[in-house]
Amino acid sequence: MSETTSTAKRRGGLVCKCGNRKSFYSVVCNECKAQRPPVVDKTFFLDGVFCRLIPLTRGEYALVDALDYDSLMDYKWYAKWSKPMNSYYASTVVKTPSGKWKHLSMHRLILGITAAELEGDHINGDTLNNTRRNLRPASGPQNQANCKVRTDNTSGYRGVCWHVRFGKWHAKISVNGKRIHLGYFATAQEAALARDAAARERFGEFARLNFPKE
């Protein structure tokens, strides 16, 4: 339990002997492929809540509230990779009343979401943190508004890219699938601030900001 607790408090994961920081939910170092000791299967206290870790495939774990642990363990969970999100989700396969099988995400099950038009949003962007305080129902646009920076982003800021023709930084935002132009700026930071202002106005609490403390 000592390792699990110390890992949880750091939130950023363990530091491997090779110097690389491992994921809190992974048992394998991405750099040297070394394994750390297995996570102890016990309840631990994190940010004022009793939590448990549910093992997935690929050496990953999902973090859940201890109160949800027993009911979730009635299912067999696996780590489902999402290329657009560049992260894993906890998922299982269930049989529908019609006899067909379908994939079911752990966060949707915890939130009790059945409507196709609703999604489950991970508030802090950690898709394997399925504690209730980190989950909320959201529409598709709201969920997209809280997505992390894409892996192919070259500016380091959400909604900002370099415009070759004008030689400036271009700020933009997408709302309901429609891209809205916000202007051209001398610096990437100015463009990012303009994008943040637009995101606050359009998405409110769901807006993932480049400068959350501004």
N, C-alpha and C. Protein backbone atom coordinates (compact mmCIF):
# COMPACT_ATOMS: atom_id res chain seq x y z
N MET A 1 0.84 -1.21 0.00
CA MET A 1 0.00 0.00 0.00
C MET A 1 0.86 1.25 0.00
N SER A 2 2.06 1.16 0.54
CA SER A 2 2.92 2.34 0.63
C SER A 2 3.26 2.88 -0.74
N GLU A 3 3.54 1.98 -1.71
CA GLU A 3 3.90 2.47 -3.03
C GLU A 3 2.71 3.08 -3.73
N THR A 4 1.54 2.44 -3.59
CA THR A 4 0.34 2.98 -4.21
C THR A 4 0.02 4.36 -3.67
N THR A 5 0.12 4.52 -2.36
CA THR A 5 -0.20 5.80 -1.74
C THR A 5 0.76 6.88 -2.17
N SER A 6 2.06 6.58 -2.17
CA SER A 6 3.04 7.59 -2.55
C SER A 6 2.89 7.95 -4.01
N THR A 7 2.54 6.97 -4.84
CA THR A 7 2.32 7.23 -6.26
C THR A 7 1.14 8.16 -6.45
N ALA A 8 0.06 7.89 -5.72
CA ALA A 8 -1.15 8.69 -5.86
C ALA A 8 -0.89 10.14 -5.47
N LYS A 9 -0.13 10.35 -4.40
CA LYS A 9 0.11 11.70 -3.94
C LYS A 9 0.87 12.51 -4.97
N ARG A 10 1.74 11.87 -5.75
CA ARG A 10 2.54 12.60 -6.73
C ARG A 10 1.71 12.97 -7.96
N ARG A 11 0.72 12.16 -8.26
CA ARG A 11 -0.16 12.37 -9.41
C ARG A 11 0.58 12.26 -10.73
N GLY A 12 1.86 12.54 -10.77
CA GLY A 12 2.60 12.47 -12.03
C GLY A 12 3.20 11.12 -12.27
N GLY A 13 3.10 10.19 -11.33
CA GLY A 13 3.60 8.85 -11.52
C GLY A 13 4.93 8.63 -10.84
N LEU A 14 5.42 7.40 -10.94
CA LEU A 14 6.70 7.04 -10.37
C LEU A 14 7.84 7.49 -11.26
N VAL A 15 9.02 7.65 -10.67
CA VAL A 15 10.20 7.95 -11.45
C VAL A 15 11.02 6.67 -11.55
N CYS A 16 11.25 6.21 -12.77
CA CYS A 16 12.00 4.97 -13.00
C CYS A 16 13.48 5.20 -12.71
N LYS A 17 14.22 4.11 -12.55
CA LYS A 17 15.65 4.19 -12.32
C LYS A 17 16.39 4.85 -13.48
N CYS A 18 15.79 4.77 -14.69
CA CYS A 18 16.42 5.38 -15.85
C CYS A 18 16.18 6.88 -15.90
N GLY A 19 15.35 7.41 -15.00
CA GLY A 19 15.08 8.84 -14.95
C GLY A 19 13.77 9.25 -15.56
N ASN A 20 13.12 8.33 -16.30
CA ASN A 20 11.85 8.65 -16.93
C ASN A 20 10.71 8.54 -15.93
N ARG A 21 9.74 9.46 -16.03
CA ARG A 21 8.59 9.42 -15.13
C ARG A 21 7.53 8.49 -15.71
N LYS A 22 7.21 7.46 -14.95
CA LYS A 22 6.19 6.50 -15.40
C LYS A 22 4.79 7.05 -15.13
N SER A 23 3.85 6.56 -15.92
CA SER A 23 2.46 6.90 -15.68
C SER A 23 2.00 6.30 -14.36
N PHE A 24 1.14 7.03 -13.66
CA PHE A 24 0.56 6.54 -12.41
C PHE A 24 -0.19 5.23 -12.65
N TYR A 25 -0.72 5.04 -13.85
CA TYR A 25 -1.55 3.89 -14.14
C TYR A 25 -0.81 2.77 -14.88
N SER A 26 0.46 2.97 -15.20
CA SER A 26 1.19 1.99 -16.00
C SER A 26 2.27 1.31 -15.18
N VAL A 27 2.48 0.02 -15.43
CA VAL A 27 3.51 -0.72 -14.72
C VAL A 27 4.81 -0.81 -15.52
N VAL A 28 4.80 -0.26 -16.74
CA VAL A 28 5.97 -0.37 -17.60
C VAL A 28 6.50 1.01 -17.96
N CYS A 29 7.80 1.21 -17.88
CA CYS A 29 8.45 2.47 -18.26
C CYS A 29 8.49 2.57 -19.78
N ASN A 30 8.07 3.71 -20.33
CA ASN A 30 8.05 3.88 -21.78
C ASN A 30 9.45 3.95 -22.39
N GLU A 31 10.43 4.32 -21.57
CA GLU A 31 11.80 4.48 -22.08
C GLU A 31 12.58 3.17 -22.06
N CYS A 32 12.77 2.60 -20.89
CA CYS A 32 13.61 1.40 -20.78
C CYS A 32 12.81 0.11 -20.69
N LYS A 33 11.46 0.22 -20.65
CA LYS A 33 10.55 -0.92 -20.60
C LYS A 33 10.66 -1.73 -19.30
N ALA A 34 11.28 -1.14 -18.29
CA ALA A 34 11.38 -1.82 -17.01
C ALA A 34 10.03 -1.82 -16.31
N GLN A 35 9.77 -2.83 -15.53
CA GLN A 35 8.51 -2.93 -14.80
C GLN A 35 8.72 -2.55 -13.34
N ARG A 36 7.72 -1.88 -12.76
CA ARG A 36 7.76 -1.60 -11.34
C ARG A 36 6.95 -2.67 -10.62
N PRO A 37 7.09 -2.81 -9.31
CA PRO A 37 6.32 -3.82 -8.58
C PRO A 37 4.82 -3.63 -8.81
N PRO A 38 4.06 -4.71 -8.81
CA PRO A 38 2.61 -4.61 -9.03
C PRO A 38 1.94 -3.69 -8.03
N VAL A 39 0.89 -3.00 -8.47
CA VAL A 39 0.14 -2.12 -7.59
C VAL A 39 -0.58 -2.96 -6.54
N VAL A 40 -0.48 -2.56 -5.28
CA VAL A 40 -1.13 -3.29 -4.20
C VAL A 40 -2.64 -3.13 -4.32
N ASP A 41 -3.34 -4.23 -4.21
CA ASP A 41 -4.79 -4.22 -4.42
C ASP A 41 -5.50 -3.84 -3.11
N LYS A 42 -5.40 -2.57 -2.73
CA LYS A 42 -6.03 -2.08 -1.53
C LYS A 42 -6.61 -0.68 -1.75
N THR A 43 -7.48 -0.29 -0.85
CA THR A 43 -8.05 1.06 -0.89
C THR A 43 -7.01 2.06 -0.39
N PHE A 44 -6.94 3.23 -1.04
CA PHE A 44 -6.04 4.29 -0.57
C PHE A 44 -6.78 5.63 -0.64
N PHE A 45 -6.24 6.59 0.05
CA PHE A 45 -6.88 7.90 0.20
C PHE A 45 -6.21 8.89 -0.75
N LEU A 46 -7.00 9.55 -1.59
CA LEU A 46 -6.46 10.49 -2.57
C LEU A 46 -7.35 11.72 -2.67
N ASP A 47 -6.80 12.89 -2.35
CA ASP A 47 -7.55 14.15 -2.46
C ASP A 47 -8.90 14.09 -1.74
N GLY A 48 -8.90 13.50 -0.57
CA GLY A 48 -10.12 13.47 0.23
C GLY A 48 -11.10 12.38 -0.12
N VAL A 49 -10.71 11.45 -1.01
CA VAL A 49 -11.63 10.38 -1.44
C VAL A 49 -10.92 9.03 -1.36
N PHE A 50 -11.63 8.00 -0.91
CA PHE A 50 -11.09 6.65 -0.91
C PHE A 50 -11.18 6.09 -2.33
N CYS A 51 -10.05 5.59 -2.84
CA CYS A 51 -9.97 5.14 -4.24
C CYS A 51 -9.45 3.72 -4.35
N ARG A 52 -9.66 3.14 -5.53
CA ARG A 52 -9.10 1.83 -5.86
C ARG A 52 -8.59 1.89 -7.29
N LEU A 53 -7.69 0.97 -7.62
CA LEU A 53 -7.20 0.83 -8.99
C LEU A 53 -7.76 -0.45 -9.59
N ILE A 54 -8.30 -0.35 -10.80
CA ILE A 54 -8.82 -1.51 -11.52
C ILE A 54 -7.85 -1.87 -12.64
N PRO A 55 -7.32 -3.09 -12.65
CA PRO A 55 -6.36 -3.47 -13.68
C PRO A 55 -7.02 -3.61 -15.05
N LEU A 56 -6.34 -3.10 -16.07
CA LEU A 56 -6.78 -3.21 -17.45
C LEU A 56 -5.76 -4.05 -18.21
N THR A 57 -5.91 -4.16 -19.49
CA THR A 57 -4.90 -4.81 -20.32
C THR A 57 -3.78 -3.81 -20.61
N ARG A 58 -2.72 -4.25 -21.27
CA ARG A 58 -1.59 -3.41 -21.67
C ARG A 58 -0.84 -2.81 -20.48
N GLY A 59 -1.01 -3.41 -19.29
CA GLY A 59 -0.31 -2.91 -18.12
C GLY A 59 -0.86 -1.61 -17.57
N GLU A 60 -2.10 -1.25 -17.93
CA GLU A 60 -2.71 0.00 -17.48
C GLU A 60 -3.68 -0.25 -16.34
N TYR A 61 -4.03 0.84 -15.64
CA TYR A 61 -4.99 0.79 -14.55
C TYR A 61 -5.96 1.96 -14.67
N ALA A 62 -7.17 1.75 -14.17
CA ALA A 62 -8.15 2.84 -14.08
C ALA A 62 -8.34 3.20 -12.61
N LEU A 63 -8.36 4.48 -12.33
CA LEU A 63 -8.58 4.97 -10.97
C LEU A 63 -10.07 5.23 -10.76
N VAL A 64 -10.64 4.64 -9.70
CA VAL A 64 -12.07 4.80 -9.44
C VAL A 64 -12.31 5.05 -7.96
N ASP A 65 -13.50 5.52 -7.63
CA ASP A 65 -13.90 5.65 -6.24
C ASP A 65 -14.04 4.24 -5.64
N ALA A 66 -13.63 4.09 -4.40
CA ALA A 66 -13.72 2.79 -3.74
C ALA A 66 -15.17 2.29 -3.70
N LEU A 67 -16.13 3.20 -3.60
CA LEU A 67 -17.54 2.82 -3.55
C LEU A 67 -18.02 2.19 -4.85
N ASP A 68 -17.36 2.49 -5.97
CA ASP A 68 -17.75 1.94 -7.27
C ASP A 68 -17.00 0.66 -7.62
N TYR A 69 -15.99 0.34 -6.84
CA TYR A 69 -15.07 -0.75 -7.20
C TYR A 69 -15.78 -2.09 -7.38
N ASP A 70 -16.56 -2.52 -6.40
CA ASP A 70 -17.17 -3.85 -6.45
C ASP A 70 -18.08 -4.02 -7.66
N SER A 71 -18.92 -3.04 -7.93
CA SER A 71 -19.84 -3.16 -9.07
C SER A 71 -19.09 -3.15 -10.40
N LEU A 72 -18.01 -2.38 -10.48
CA LEU A 72 -17.23 -2.33 -11.72
C LEU A 72 -16.47 -3.62 -11.96
N MET A 73 -16.10 -4.31 -10.90
CA MET A 73 -15.36 -5.56 -11.05
C MET A 73 -16.23 -6.71 -11.54
N ASP A 74 -17.52 -6.46 -11.73
CA ASP A 74 -18.38 -7.47 -12.35
C ASP A 74 -18.11 -7.57 -13.85
N TYR A 75 -17.33 -6.63 -14.38
CA TYR A 75 -17.01 -6.60 -15.81
C TYR A 75 -15.53 -6.88 -16.03
N LYS A 76 -15.19 -7.30 -17.23
CA LYS A 76 -13.80 -7.50 -17.60
C LYS A 76 -13.35 -6.29 -18.42
N TRP A 77 -12.43 -5.51 -17.88
CA TRP A 77 -12.04 -4.25 -18.49
C TRP A 77 -10.73 -4.36 -19.27
N TYR A 78 -10.63 -3.59 -20.34
CA TYR A 78 -9.40 -3.55 -21.11
C TYR A 78 -9.05 -2.10 -21.44
N ALA A 79 -7.80 -1.86 -21.80
CA ALA A 79 -7.34 -0.52 -22.16
C ALA A 79 -7.56 -0.31 -23.65
N LYS A 80 -8.43 0.62 -23.98
CA LYS A 80 -8.75 0.91 -25.39
C LYS A 80 -8.03 2.18 -25.81
N TRP A 81 -7.18 2.07 -26.82
CA TRP A 81 -6.39 3.21 -27.27
C TRP A 81 -7.22 4.11 -28.18
N SER A 82 -7.17 5.42 -27.91
CA SER A 82 -7.83 6.41 -28.76
C SER A 82 -6.75 7.24 -29.44
N LYS A 83 -6.59 7.06 -30.74
CA LYS A 83 -5.57 7.80 -31.47
C LYS A 83 -5.82 9.31 -31.46
N PRO A 84 -7.06 9.78 -31.70
CA PRO A 84 -7.29 11.24 -31.66
C PRO A 84 -6.96 11.86 -30.32
N MET A 85 -7.25 11.13 -29.22
CA MET A 85 -6.99 11.66 -27.89
C MET A 85 -5.58 11.35 -27.39
N ASN A 86 -4.90 10.44 -28.10
CA ASN A 86 -3.55 10.02 -27.71
C ASN A 86 -3.51 9.52 -26.27
N SER A 87 -4.51 8.71 -25.92
CA SER A 87 -4.60 8.20 -24.55
C SER A 87 -5.48 6.95 -24.52
N TYR A 88 -5.43 6.25 -23.38
CA TYR A 88 -6.24 5.05 -23.18
C TYR A 88 -7.54 5.39 -22.47
N TYR A 89 -8.56 4.57 -22.75
CA TYR A 89 -9.82 4.59 -22.02
C TYR A 89 -10.07 3.19 -21.46
N ALA A 90 -10.77 3.10 -20.34
CA ALA A 90 -11.18 1.81 -19.80
C ALA A 90 -12.48 1.42 -20.48
N SER A 91 -12.50 0.24 -21.09
CA SER A 91 -13.68 -0.18 -21.85
C SER A 91 -13.95 -1.66 -21.62
N THR A 92 -15.18 -2.06 -21.86
CA THR A 92 -15.57 -3.46 -21.77
C THR A 92 -16.56 -3.77 -22.88
N VAL A 93 -16.98 -5.02 -22.97
CA VAL A 93 -17.96 -5.43 -23.98
C VAL A 93 -19.15 -6.03 -23.25
N VAL A 94 -20.36 -5.54 -23.58
CA VAL A 94 -21.58 -6.02 -22.93
C VAL A 94 -22.59 -6.49 -23.98
N LYS A 95 -23.48 -7.36 -23.54
CA LYS A 95 -24.52 -7.89 -24.44
C LYS A 95 -25.79 -7.07 -24.29
N THR A 96 -26.33 -6.59 -25.39
CA THR A 96 -27.54 -5.78 -25.37
C THR A 96 -28.77 -6.68 -25.29
N PRO A 97 -29.95 -6.12 -24.95
CA PRO A 97 -31.18 -6.93 -24.91
C PRO A 97 -31.49 -7.63 -26.23
N SER A 98 -31.02 -7.06 -27.34
CA SER A 98 -31.27 -7.66 -28.65
C SER A 98 -30.33 -8.83 -28.95
N GLY A 99 -29.38 -9.06 -28.04
CA GLY A 99 -28.45 -10.16 -28.24
C GLY A 99 -27.14 -9.76 -28.89
N LYS A 100 -27.02 -8.49 -29.27
CA LYS A 100 -25.80 -8.02 -29.89
C LYS A 100 -24.80 -7.55 -28.82
N TRP A 101 -23.52 -7.55 -29.18
CA TRP A 101 -22.48 -7.10 -28.27
C TRP A 101 -22.03 -5.70 -28.64
N LYS A 102 -21.74 -4.89 -27.64
CA LYS A 102 -21.28 -3.53 -27.91
C LYS A 102 -20.23 -3.12 -26.88
N HIS A 103 -19.39 -2.16 -27.27
CA HIS A 103 -18.37 -1.64 -26.36
C HIS A 103 -19.01 -0.63 -25.40
N LEU A 104 -18.56 -0.66 -24.16
CA LEU A 104 -19.06 0.26 -23.14
C LEU A 104 -17.89 0.84 -22.36
N SER A 105 -17.80 2.15 -22.34
CA SER A 105 -16.73 2.81 -21.61
C SER A 105 -17.04 2.87 -20.12
N MET A 106 -16.01 2.73 -19.31
CA MET A 106 -16.20 2.74 -17.86
C MET A 106 -16.80 4.06 -17.38
N HIS A 107 -16.34 5.18 -17.95
CA HIS A 107 -16.85 6.47 -17.47
C HIS A 107 -18.33 6.66 -17.79
N ARG A 108 -18.80 6.10 -18.90
CA ARG A 108 -20.23 6.19 -19.23
C ARG A 108 -21.05 5.34 -18.26
N LEU A 109 -20.51 4.17 -17.91
CA LEU A 109 -21.22 3.30 -16.97
C LEU A 109 -21.32 3.96 -15.60
N ILE A 110 -20.25 4.57 -15.14
CA ILE A 110 -20.26 5.23 -13.83
C ILE A 110 -21.25 6.38 -13.80
N LEU A 111 -21.30 7.15 -14.89
CA LEU A 111 -22.21 8.31 -14.96
C LEU A 111 -23.65 7.90 -15.27
N GLY A 112 -23.84 6.65 -15.68
CA GLY A 112 -25.18 6.19 -16.03
C GLY A 112 -25.68 6.76 -17.34
N ILE A 113 -24.77 7.09 -18.27
CA ILE A 113 -25.14 7.68 -19.55
C ILE A 113 -25.55 6.59 -20.54
N THR A 114 -26.75 6.68 -21.06
CA THR A 114 -27.23 5.74 -22.07
C THR A 114 -27.60 6.44 -23.37
N ALA A 115 -27.90 7.74 -23.30
CA ALA A 115 -28.28 8.50 -24.50
C ALA A 115 -27.09 8.67 -25.43
N ALA A 116 -27.29 8.38 -26.71
CA ALA A 116 -26.20 8.44 -27.68
C ALA A 116 -25.67 9.86 -27.86
N GLU A 117 -26.54 10.86 -27.64
CA GLU A 117 -26.12 12.25 -27.87
C GLU A 117 -25.29 12.81 -26.71
N LEU A 118 -25.22 12.08 -25.60
CA LEU A 118 -24.44 12.53 -24.46
C LEU A 118 -23.12 11.79 -24.37
N GLU A 119 -22.09 12.46 -23.87
CA GLU A 119 -20.79 11.87 -23.67
C GLU A 119 -20.35 12.08 -22.23
N GLY A 120 -19.30 11.39 -21.84
CA GLY A 120 -18.72 11.59 -20.51
C GLY A 120 -17.42 12.36 -20.65
N ASP A 121 -17.28 13.42 -19.88
CA ASP A 121 -16.09 14.28 -19.96
C ASP A 121 -15.20 14.06 -18.75
N HIS A 122 -13.89 13.86 -18.99
CA HIS A 122 -12.92 13.79 -17.91
C HIS A 122 -12.42 15.21 -17.63
N ILE A 123 -12.79 15.75 -16.52
CA ILE A 123 -12.56 17.17 -16.24
C ILE A 123 -11.09 17.56 -16.34
N ASN A 124 -10.20 16.75 -15.77
CA ASN A 124 -8.78 17.12 -15.79
C ASN A 124 -8.03 16.59 -17.00
N GLY A 125 -8.76 15.95 -17.93
CA GLY A 125 -8.14 15.46 -19.16
C GLY A 125 -7.50 14.09 -19.02
N ASP A 126 -7.48 13.53 -17.81
CA ASP A 126 -6.90 12.20 -17.58
C ASP A 126 -7.99 11.16 -17.84
N THR A 127 -7.88 10.46 -18.96
CA THR A 127 -8.95 9.54 -19.38
C THR A 127 -8.99 8.23 -18.61
N LEU A 128 -8.01 7.99 -17.75
CA LEU A 128 -8.05 6.80 -16.90
C LEU A 128 -8.39 7.14 -15.45
N ASN A 129 -8.66 8.42 -15.19
CA ASN A 129 -9.13 8.83 -13.87
C ASN A 129 -10.65 8.86 -13.92
N ASN A 130 -11.26 7.75 -13.48
CA ASN A 130 -12.71 7.63 -13.53
C ASN A 130 -13.35 7.79 -12.15
N THR A 131 -12.72 8.60 -11.31
CA THR A 131 -13.38 8.96 -10.05
C THR A 131 -14.53 9.91 -10.37
N ARG A 132 -15.57 9.86 -9.58
CA ARG A 132 -16.77 10.65 -9.89
C ARG A 132 -16.49 12.16 -9.88
N ARG A 133 -15.54 12.61 -9.06
CA ARG A 133 -15.24 14.04 -9.01
C ARG A 133 -14.55 14.50 -10.29
N ASN A 134 -14.06 13.57 -11.12
CA ASN A 134 -13.39 13.92 -12.36
C ASN A 134 -14.27 13.69 -13.58
N LEU A 135 -15.52 13.29 -13.37
CA LEU A 135 -16.42 12.99 -14.49
C LEU A 135 -17.65 13.89 -14.48
N ARG A 136 -18.15 14.19 -15.68
CA ARG A 136 -19.39 14.94 -15.81
C ARG A 136 -20.00 14.67 -17.18
N PRO A 137 -21.32 14.63 -17.27
CA PRO A 137 -21.98 14.47 -18.57
C PRO A 137 -21.70 15.69 -19.44
N ALA A 138 -21.59 15.49 -20.74
CA ALA A 138 -21.32 16.61 -21.63
C ALA A 138 -21.86 16.30 -23.02
N SER A 139 -22.14 17.36 -23.75
CA SER A 139 -22.49 17.20 -25.16
C SER A 139 -21.20 16.97 -25.94
N GLY A 140 -21.32 16.60 -27.20
CA GLY A 140 -20.14 16.40 -28.02
C GLY A 140 -19.25 17.64 -28.11
N PRO A 141 -19.83 18.82 -28.42
CA PRO A 141 -19.02 20.04 -28.47
C PRO A 141 -18.37 20.39 -27.14
N GLN A 142 -19.09 20.17 -26.03
CA GLN A 142 -18.51 20.46 -24.72
C GLN A 142 -17.33 19.55 -24.43
N ASN A 143 -17.47 18.28 -24.79
CA ASN A 143 -16.39 17.32 -24.57
C ASN A 143 -15.17 17.68 -25.41
N GLN A 144 -15.40 18.07 -26.65
CA GLN A 144 -14.30 18.46 -27.53
C GLN A 144 -13.61 19.71 -27.01
N ALA A 145 -14.37 20.60 -26.39
CA ALA A 145 -13.80 21.84 -25.87
C ALA A 145 -12.80 21.59 -24.76
N ASN A 146 -12.93 20.43 -24.10
CA ASN A 146 -12.06 20.10 -22.97
C ASN A 146 -10.96 19.11 -23.35
N CYS A 147 -10.75 18.90 -24.64
CA CYS A 147 -9.71 17.96 -25.10
C CYS A 147 -8.32 18.57 -24.92
N LYS A 148 -7.33 17.68 -24.79
CA LYS A 148 -5.95 18.12 -24.65
C LYS A 148 -5.40 18.60 -25.99
N VAL A 149 -4.23 19.21 -25.96
CA VAL A 149 -3.57 19.66 -27.19
C VAL A 149 -3.24 18.46 -28.06
N ARG A 150 -3.53 18.54 -29.34
CA ARG A 150 -3.25 17.45 -30.26
C ARG A 150 -1.75 17.18 -30.35
N THR A 151 -1.42 15.93 -30.66
CA THR A 151 -0.01 15.56 -30.74
C THR A 151 0.69 16.19 -31.93
N ASP A 152 -0.07 16.60 -32.96
CA ASP A 152 0.54 17.21 -34.14
C ASP A 152 0.56 18.74 -34.05
N ASN A 153 0.21 19.27 -32.88
CA ASN A 153 0.23 20.72 -32.68
C ASN A 153 1.68 21.22 -32.64
N THR A 154 1.97 22.28 -33.39
CA THR A 154 3.34 22.80 -33.48
C THR A 154 3.56 24.08 -32.66
N SER A 155 2.49 24.70 -32.20
CA SER A 155 2.63 25.95 -31.44
C SER A 155 2.74 25.72 -29.94
N GLY A 156 2.22 24.57 -29.50
CA GLY A 156 2.18 24.30 -28.07
C GLY A 156 0.94 24.85 -27.39
N TYR A 157 0.08 25.53 -28.15
CA TYR A 157 -1.15 26.12 -27.60
C TYR A 157 -2.36 25.60 -28.37
N ARG A 158 -3.45 25.43 -27.65
CA ARG A 158 -4.71 25.04 -28.29
C ARG A 158 -5.23 26.17 -29.16
N GLY A 159 -5.68 25.83 -30.38
CA GLY A 159 -6.28 26.82 -31.26
C GLY A 159 -5.33 27.81 -31.86
N VAL A 160 -4.03 27.49 -31.89
CA VAL A 160 -3.02 28.41 -32.43
C VAL A 160 -2.11 27.68 -33.42
N CYS A 161 -1.91 28.27 -34.58
CA CYS A 161 -0.99 27.70 -35.56
C CYS A 161 -0.30 28.84 -36.32
N TRP A 162 0.81 28.52 -36.96
CA TRP A 162 1.57 29.50 -37.72
C TRP A 162 0.98 29.65 -39.11
N HIS A 163 0.71 30.90 -39.52
CA HIS A 163 0.18 31.17 -40.86
C HIS A 163 1.34 31.61 -41.75
N VAL A 164 1.72 30.74 -42.67
CA VAL A 164 2.90 30.99 -43.50
C VAL A 164 2.73 32.23 -44.37
N ARG A 165 1.56 32.40 -44.96
CA ARG A 165 1.33 33.50 -45.89
C ARG A 165 1.47 34.86 -45.23
N PHE A 166 0.90 35.01 -44.03
CA PHE A 166 0.92 36.30 -43.34
C PHE A 166 2.11 36.43 -42.37
N GLY A 167 2.79 35.33 -42.12
CA GLY A 167 3.93 35.38 -41.21
C GLY A 167 3.54 35.74 -39.80
N LYS A 168 2.37 35.29 -39.38
CA LYS A 168 1.89 35.57 -38.02
C LYS A 168 1.22 34.32 -37.44
N TRP A 169 0.91 34.42 -36.15
CA TRP A 169 0.23 33.31 -35.49
C TRP A 169 -1.27 33.46 -35.63
N HIS A 170 -1.91 32.40 -36.07
CA HIS A 170 -3.34 32.40 -36.35
C HIS A 170 -4.10 31.78 -35.18
N ALA A 171 -5.06 32.51 -34.63
CA ALA A 171 -5.91 32.00 -33.55
C ALA A 171 -7.27 31.62 -34.12
N LYS A 172 -7.77 30.46 -33.72
CA LYS A 172 -9.07 29.98 -34.22
C LYS A 172 -9.71 29.09 -33.17
N ILE A 173 -11.00 28.86 -33.34
CA ILE A 173 -11.73 27.99 -32.42
C ILE A 173 -12.83 27.29 -33.20
N SER A 174 -13.15 26.07 -32.80
CA SER A 174 -14.21 25.30 -33.47
C SER A 174 -15.43 25.23 -32.56
N VAL A 175 -16.58 25.57 -33.11
CA VAL A 175 -17.84 25.54 -32.38
C VAL A 175 -18.86 24.77 -33.21
N ASN A 176 -19.34 23.65 -32.67
CA ASN A 176 -20.29 22.79 -33.39
C ASN A 176 -19.78 22.41 -34.77
N GLY A 177 -18.50 22.12 -34.85
CA GLY A 177 -17.91 21.67 -36.10
C GLY A 177 -17.55 22.79 -37.06
N LYS A 178 -17.84 24.04 -36.70
CA LYS A 178 -17.53 25.18 -37.55
C LYS A 178 -16.32 25.93 -37.01
N ARG A 179 -15.32 26.14 -37.87
CA ARG A 179 -14.10 26.82 -37.45
C ARG A 179 -14.29 28.33 -37.53
N ILE A 180 -13.99 29.03 -36.45
CA ILE A 180 -14.15 30.48 -36.37
C ILE A 180 -12.79 31.15 -36.29
N HIS A 181 -12.54 32.09 -37.20
CA HIS A 181 -11.28 32.83 -37.24
C HIS A 181 -11.28 33.91 -36.17
N LEU A 182 -10.19 33.98 -35.40
CA LEU A 182 -10.11 34.96 -34.30
C LEU A 182 -9.06 36.04 -34.54
N GLY A 183 -8.27 35.90 -35.60
CA GLY A 183 -7.29 36.93 -35.91
C GLY A 183 -5.87 36.41 -36.00
N TYR A 184 -4.96 37.32 -36.43
CA TYR A 184 -3.54 37.01 -36.56
C TYR A 184 -2.75 37.85 -35.55
N PHE A 185 -1.73 37.24 -34.97
CA PHE A 185 -1.01 37.89 -33.88
C PHE A 185 0.50 37.75 -34.05
N ALA A 186 1.22 38.69 -33.46
CA ALA A 186 2.68 38.70 -33.58
C ALA A 186 3.33 37.55 -32.82
N THR A 187 2.72 37.16 -31.69
CA THR A 187 3.29 36.08 -30.90
C THR A 187 2.25 34.98 -30.67
N ALA A 188 2.77 33.78 -30.44
CA ALA A 188 1.88 32.65 -30.18
C ALA A 188 1.11 32.85 -28.88
N GLN A 189 1.73 33.50 -27.91
CA GLN A 189 1.07 33.73 -26.63
C GLN A 189 -0.13 34.67 -26.78
N GLU A 190 0.02 35.72 -27.58
CA GLU A 190 -1.10 36.64 -27.81
C GLU A 190 -2.26 35.90 -28.49
N ALA A 191 -1.93 35.04 -29.46
CA ALA A 191 -2.96 34.27 -30.15
C ALA A 191 -3.64 33.30 -29.19
N ALA A 192 -2.86 32.70 -28.29
CA ALA A 192 -3.41 31.76 -27.32
C ALA A 192 -4.36 32.46 -26.34
N LEU A 193 -4.02 33.67 -25.94
CA LEU A 193 -4.89 34.44 -25.03
C LEU A 193 -6.20 34.80 -25.71
N ALA A 194 -6.14 35.13 -27.00
CA ALA A 194 -7.35 35.45 -27.76
C ALA A 194 -8.24 34.21 -27.87
N ARG A 195 -7.60 33.08 -28.10
CA ARG A 195 -8.35 31.82 -28.19
C ARG A 195 -8.99 31.48 -26.86
N ASP A 196 -8.28 31.73 -25.75
CA ASP A 196 -8.83 31.44 -24.42
C ASP A 196 -10.05 32.30 -24.13
N ALA A 197 -9.99 33.56 -24.52
CA ALA A 197 -11.13 34.46 -24.28
C ALA A 197 -12.37 33.97 -25.03
N ALA A 198 -12.17 33.52 -26.26
CA ALA A 198 -13.28 33.00 -27.05
C ALA A 198 -13.81 31.69 -26.46
N ALA A 199 -12.90 30.86 -25.97
CA ALA A 199 -13.31 29.58 -25.38
C ALA A 199 -14.13 29.79 -24.11
N ARG A 200 -13.73 30.75 -23.29
CA ARG A 200 -14.49 31.05 -22.06
C ARG A 200 -15.90 31.49 -22.40
N GLU A 201 -15.99 32.33 -23.41
CA GLU A 201 -17.30 32.88 -23.81
C GLU A 201 -18.22 31.80 -24.35
N ARG A 202 -17.68 30.87 -25.14
CA ARG A 202 -18.50 29.88 -25.83
C ARG A 202 -18.71 28.58 -25.05
N PHE A 203 -17.73 28.19 -24.24
CA PHE A 203 -17.80 26.88 -23.59
C PHE A 203 -17.88 26.94 -22.07
N GLY A 204 -17.68 28.11 -21.48
CA GLY A 204 -17.80 28.24 -20.03
C GLY A 204 -16.90 27.28 -19.27
N GLU A 205 -17.49 26.52 -18.34
CA GLU A 205 -16.71 25.64 -17.47
C GLU A 205 -16.05 24.49 -18.23
N PHE A 206 -16.49 24.21 -19.45
CA PHE A 206 -15.92 23.11 -20.22
C PHE A 206 -14.68 23.53 -21.01
N ALA A 207 -14.39 24.81 -21.04
CA ALA A 207 -13.26 25.31 -21.84
C ALA A 207 -11.93 24.87 -21.24
N ARG A 208 -11.12 24.18 -22.04
CA ARG A 208 -9.74 23.87 -21.62
C ARG A 208 -8.86 24.99 -22.12
N LEU A 209 -8.26 25.73 -21.20
CA LEU A 209 -7.54 26.95 -21.52
C LEU A 209 -6.04 26.74 -21.63
N ASN A 210 -5.40 27.59 -22.43
CA ASN A 210 -3.96 27.59 -22.50
C ASN A 210 -3.34 28.20 -21.26
N PHE A 211 -4.06 29.19 -20.70
CA PHE A 211 -3.58 29.88 -19.47
C PHE A 211 -4.73 29.88 -18.47
N PRO A 212 -4.95 28.76 -17.77
CA PRO A 212 -6.09 28.66 -16.85
C PRO A 212 -6.07 29.66 -15.70
N LYS A 213 -4.90 30.17 -15.35
CA LYS A 213 -4.81 31.07 -14.21
C LYS A 213 -4.87 32.54 -14.61
N GLU A 214 -4.98 32.81 -15.92
CA GLU A 214 -5.04 34.19 -16.38
C GLU A 214 -6.40 34.81 -16.07
